[in-house]
N, C-alpha and C. Protein backbone atom coordinates (compact mmCIF):
# COMPACT_ATOMS: atom_id res chain seq x y z
N MET A 1 -54.17 -9.41 -60.21
CA MET A 1 -54.09 -9.32 -58.74
C MET A 1 -54.45 -10.54 -58.04
N TYR A 2 -55.53 -11.10 -58.11
CA TYR A 2 -55.78 -12.27 -57.45
C TYR A 2 -54.81 -13.55 -57.77
N TYR A 3 -54.51 -13.35 -59.12
CA TYR A 3 -53.56 -14.48 -59.55
C TYR A 3 -52.18 -14.47 -58.81
N ASP A 4 -51.74 -13.29 -58.67
CA ASP A 4 -50.38 -13.00 -57.98
C ASP A 4 -50.69 -13.37 -56.66
N ILE A 5 -51.91 -13.03 -55.93
CA ILE A 5 -51.90 -13.31 -54.44
C ILE A 5 -52.01 -15.14 -54.30
N SER A 6 -52.73 -15.70 -55.17
CA SER A 6 -53.04 -17.04 -55.29
C SER A 6 -51.67 -17.72 -55.40
N LYS A 7 -50.83 -17.31 -56.36
CA LYS A 7 -49.52 -17.76 -56.59
C LYS A 7 -48.67 -17.71 -55.42
N ARG A 8 -48.68 -16.45 -54.69
CA ARG A 8 -47.67 -16.26 -53.75
C ARG A 8 -48.37 -17.37 -52.34
N ILE A 9 -49.57 -17.44 -52.16
CA ILE A 9 -50.11 -18.28 -51.28
C ILE A 9 -49.58 -19.79 -51.58
N VAL A 10 -49.79 -20.08 -52.96
CA VAL A 10 -49.26 -21.52 -53.20
C VAL A 10 -47.96 -21.71 -52.92
N ASP A 11 -46.99 -20.80 -53.08
CA ASP A 11 -45.56 -20.73 -52.83
C ASP A 11 -45.41 -21.12 -51.26
N ILE A 12 -46.13 -20.38 -50.63
CA ILE A 12 -46.09 -20.40 -48.95
C ILE A 12 -46.45 -21.93 -48.58
N ILE A 13 -47.60 -22.20 -49.07
CA ILE A 13 -48.17 -23.59 -48.90
C ILE A 13 -47.20 -24.64 -49.11
N GLY A 14 -46.55 -24.44 -50.19
CA GLY A 14 -45.60 -25.68 -50.88
C GLY A 14 -44.36 -25.63 -49.87
N ALA A 15 -43.88 -24.47 -49.68
CA ALA A 15 -42.91 -24.37 -48.54
C ALA A 15 -43.23 -24.99 -47.50
N ILE A 16 -44.34 -24.61 -46.79
CA ILE A 16 -44.86 -25.40 -45.45
C ILE A 16 -44.68 -27.01 -45.69
N ILE A 17 -45.31 -27.27 -46.80
CA ILE A 17 -45.66 -28.80 -46.95
C ILE A 17 -44.31 -29.34 -47.14
N MET A 18 -43.23 -28.70 -47.91
CA MET A 18 -41.98 -29.38 -48.14
C MET A 18 -41.21 -29.34 -46.58
N GLY A 19 -41.46 -28.51 -45.94
CA GLY A 19 -40.70 -28.37 -44.52
C GLY A 19 -41.13 -29.70 -43.73
N ILE A 20 -42.43 -29.76 -43.62
CA ILE A 20 -43.08 -30.89 -42.89
C ILE A 20 -42.75 -31.96 -43.38
N LEU A 21 -42.61 -32.44 -44.71
CA LEU A 21 -42.11 -33.71 -45.34
C LEU A 21 -40.80 -34.02 -44.99
N PHE A 22 -39.82 -32.87 -44.93
CA PHE A 22 -38.49 -32.93 -44.61
C PHE A 22 -38.18 -33.10 -43.18
N LEU A 23 -39.05 -32.99 -42.27
CA LEU A 23 -38.77 -33.17 -40.84
C LEU A 23 -38.64 -34.36 -40.67
N PRO A 24 -37.66 -34.89 -39.84
CA PRO A 24 -37.25 -36.26 -39.17
C PRO A 24 -38.41 -36.88 -38.72
């Protein structure tokens, strides 16, 4: 359970970071 939540959180954080990095 905790692993699934952690993985989902990591995916969300990664998406946010990618969005910030790709901002002009």
